[in-house]
Amino acid sequence: MTGQDKPVKTAGDAGSAGAARTLQKALGRRIRSLREQRGWTLRNLADAAGTSVSQIGKMERGECNVTLTTLLPVAEKLGITVSALFRGIG
């Protein structure tokens, strides 16, 4: 089988789901680390970013698919770009 003959994985593949969970968890660790470096509580970040404590907690634990609408203000309040949040974790 040549490289061109290999099946292409789609978003529905189990491997993709596992990769997404890994990325979610890594992103969550990055957000938690940045929040803790600033000495902020979950409430501090949630209030600053205009979201709920529950949402920030889920993001930090990698338990949700974060939308850009949610991630942009979180990154802004943490003083980092969205692309920098993902740098080195994907």
C-alpha atoms as a PDB file:
ATOM      1  CA  MET A   1       0.000   0.000   0.000  1.00  0.00           C
ATOM      2  CA  THR A   2       1.471   3.374  -0.953  1.00  0.00           C
ATOM      3  CA  GLY A   3       1.069   6.557   1.052  1.00  0.00           C
ATOM      4  CA  GLN A   4      -1.649   7.627  -1.352  1.00  0.00           C
ATOM      5  CA  ASP A   5      -3.652   4.441  -0.769  1.00  0.00           C
ATOM      6  CA  LYS A   6      -3.877   4.757   3.015  1.00  0.00           C
ATOM      7  CA  PRO A   7      -7.349   5.495   4.378  1.00  0.00           C
ATOM      8  CA  VAL A   8      -7.864   8.998   5.659  1.00  0.00           C
ATOM      9  CA  LYS A   9      -9.028   9.311   9.248  1.00  0.00           C
ATOM     10  CA  THR A  10     -12.092  11.436   9.777  1.00  0.00           C
ATOM     11  CA  ALA A  11     -13.371  13.331  12.800  1.00  0.00           C
ATOM     12  CA  GLY A  12     -15.532  10.331  13.663  1.00  0.00           C
ATOM     13  CA  ASP A  13     -12.586   7.954  14.041  1.00  0.00           C
ATOM     14  CA  ALA A  14     -11.714   6.723  17.531  1.00  0.00           C
ATOM     15  CA  GLY A  15      -8.150   7.959  17.030  1.00  0.00           C
ATOM     16  CA  SER A  16      -9.397  11.465  16.383  1.00  0.00           C
ATOM     17  CA  ALA A  17     -11.552  11.412  19.498  1.00  0.00           C
ATOM     18  CA  GLY A  18      -8.580  10.320  21.578  1.00  0.00           C
ATOM     19  CA  ALA A  19      -6.401  13.022  20.067  1.00  0.00           C
ATOM     20  CA  ALA A  20      -9.076  15.627  20.788  1.00  0.00           C
ATOM     21  CA  ARG A  21      -9.296  14.546  24.440  1.00  0.00           C
ATOM     22  CA  THR A  22      -5.520  14.701  24.746  1.00  0.00           C
ATOM     23  CA  LEU A  23      -5.510  18.212  23.291  1.00  0.00           C
ATOM     24  CA  GLN A  24      -8.381  19.313  25.553  1.00  0.00           C
ATOM     25  CA  LYS A  25      -6.530  18.096  28.633  1.00  0.00           C
ATOM     26  CA  ALA A  26      -3.267  19.750  27.572  1.00  0.00           C
ATOM     27  CA  LEU A  27      -5.075  23.018  26.870  1.00  0.00           C
ATOM     28  CA  GLY A  28      -6.750  22.779  30.261  1.00  0.00           C
ATOM     29  CA  ARG A  29      -3.418  22.258  32.013  1.00  0.00           C
ATOM     30  CA  ARG A  30      -2.025  25.303  30.213  1.00  0.00           C
ATOM     31  CA  ILE A  31      -4.993  27.472  31.251  1.00  0.00           C
ATOM     32  CA  ARG A  32      -4.774  26.267  34.873  1.00  0.00           C
ATOM     33  CA  SER A  33      -1.039  26.901  34.980  1.00  0.00           C
ATOM     34  CA  LEU A  34      -1.428  30.447  33.654  1.00  0.00           C
ATOM     35  CA  ARG A  35      -4.290  31.152  36.063  1.00  0.00           C
ATOM     36  CA  GLU A  36      -2.319  29.851  39.034  1.00  0.00           C
ATOM     37  CA  GLN A  37       0.804  31.814  38.007  1.00  0.00           C
ATOM     38  CA  ARG A  38      -1.324  34.937  38.366  1.00  0.00           C
ATOM     39  CA  GLY A  39      -2.617  33.844  41.744  1.00  0.00           C
ATOM     40  CA  TRP A  40      -6.202  33.798  40.473  1.00  0.00           C
ATOM     41  CA  THR A  41      -9.036  31.607  41.628  1.00  0.00           C
ATOM     42  CA  LEU A  42     -11.437  29.972  39.211  1.00  0.00           C
ATOM     43  CA  ARG A  43     -13.909  32.711  40.184  1.00  0.00           C
ATOM     44  CA  ASN A  44     -11.392  35.478  39.343  1.00  0.00           C
ATOM     45  CA  LEU A  45     -10.821  34.127  35.837  1.00  0.00           C
ATOM     46  CA  ALA A  46     -14.476  33.305  35.226  1.00  0.00           C
ATOM     47  CA  ASP A  47     -15.591  36.809  36.229  1.00  0.00           C
ATOM     48  CA  ALA A  48     -12.854  38.475  34.176  1.00  0.00           C
ATOM     49  CA  ALA A  49     -13.639  36.369  31.090  1.00  0.00           C
ATOM     50  CA  GLY A  50     -17.408  36.651  31.436  1.00  0.00           C
ATOM     51  CA  THR A  51     -18.085  32.945  31.894  1.00  0.00           C
ATOM     52  CA  SER A  52     -18.967  30.610  34.750  1.00  0.00           C
ATOM     53  CA  VAL A  53     -16.717  28.972  37.319  1.00  0.00           C
ATOM     54  CA  SER A  54     -18.143  25.652  36.142  1.00  0.00           C
ATOM     55  CA  GLN A  55     -17.089  26.357  32.535  1.00  0.00           C
ATOM     56  CA  ILE A  56     -13.542  27.321  33.556  1.00  0.00           C
ATOM     57  CA  GLY A  57     -13.315  24.189  35.710  1.00  0.00           C
ATOM     58  CA  LYS A  58     -14.470  21.988  32.827  1.00  0.00           C
ATOM     59  CA  MET A  59     -11.971  23.678  30.500  1.00  0.00           C
ATOM     60  CA  GLU A  60      -9.120  23.112  32.950  1.00  0.00           C
ATOM     61  CA  ARG A  61     -10.028  19.442  33.376  1.00  0.00           C
ATOM     62  CA  GLY A  62     -10.348  18.959  29.609  1.00  0.00           C
ATOM     63  CA  GLU A  63     -13.977  17.940  29.957  1.00  0.00           C
ATOM     64  CA  CYS A  64     -15.485  20.131  27.256  1.00  0.00           C
ATOM     65  CA  ASN A  65     -15.020  21.173  23.666  1.00  0.00           C
ATOM     66  CA  VAL A  66     -14.094  24.807  24.052  1.00  0.00           C
ATOM     67  CA  THR A  67     -15.447  27.236  21.483  1.00  0.00           C
ATOM     68  CA  LEU A  68     -13.498  30.230  20.250  1.00  0.00           C
ATOM     69  CA  THR A  69     -16.236  32.428  21.690  1.00  0.00           C
ATOM     70  CA  THR A  70     -15.338  31.100  25.140  1.00  0.00           C
ATOM     71  CA  LEU A  71     -11.599  30.735  24.620  1.00  0.00           C
ATOM     72  CA  LEU A  72     -10.895  34.229  23.236  1.00  0.00           C
ATOM     73  CA  PRO A  73     -11.827  36.175  26.394  1.00  0.00           C
ATOM     74  CA  VAL A  74     -10.091  33.598  28.611  1.00  0.00           C
ATOM     75  CA  ALA A  75      -6.866  33.942  26.631  1.00  0.00           C
ATOM     76  CA  GLU A  76      -7.188  37.735  26.610  1.00  0.00           C
ATOM     77  CA  LYS A  77      -7.607  37.910  30.384  1.00  0.00           C
ATOM     78  CA  LEU A  78      -4.633  35.577  30.829  1.00  0.00           C
ATOM     79  CA  GLY A  79      -2.579  37.929  28.652  1.00  0.00           C
ATOM     80  CA  ILE A  80      -1.883  35.385  25.922  1.00  0.00           C
ATOM     81  CA  THR A  81      -3.057  34.792  22.373  1.00  0.00           C
ATOM     82  CA  VAL A  82      -5.139  31.768  21.472  1.00  0.00           C
ATOM     83  CA  SER A  83      -2.357  30.539  19.199  1.00  0.00           C
ATOM     84  CA  ALA A  84       0.127  30.810  22.079  1.00  0.00           C
ATOM     85  CA  LEU A  85      -2.214  28.770  24.277  1.00  0.00           C
ATOM     86  CA  PHE A  86      -1.967  25.921  21.772  1.00  0.00           C
ATOM     87  CA  ARG A  87       1.743  26.307  20.980  1.00  0.00           C
ATOM     88  CA  GLY A  88       3.625  23.127  21.742  1.00  0.00           C
ATOM     89  CA  ILE A  89       0.639  21.060  22.878  1.00  0.00           C
ATOM     90  CA  GLY A  90      -0.774  19.792  19.588  1.00  0.00           C
END
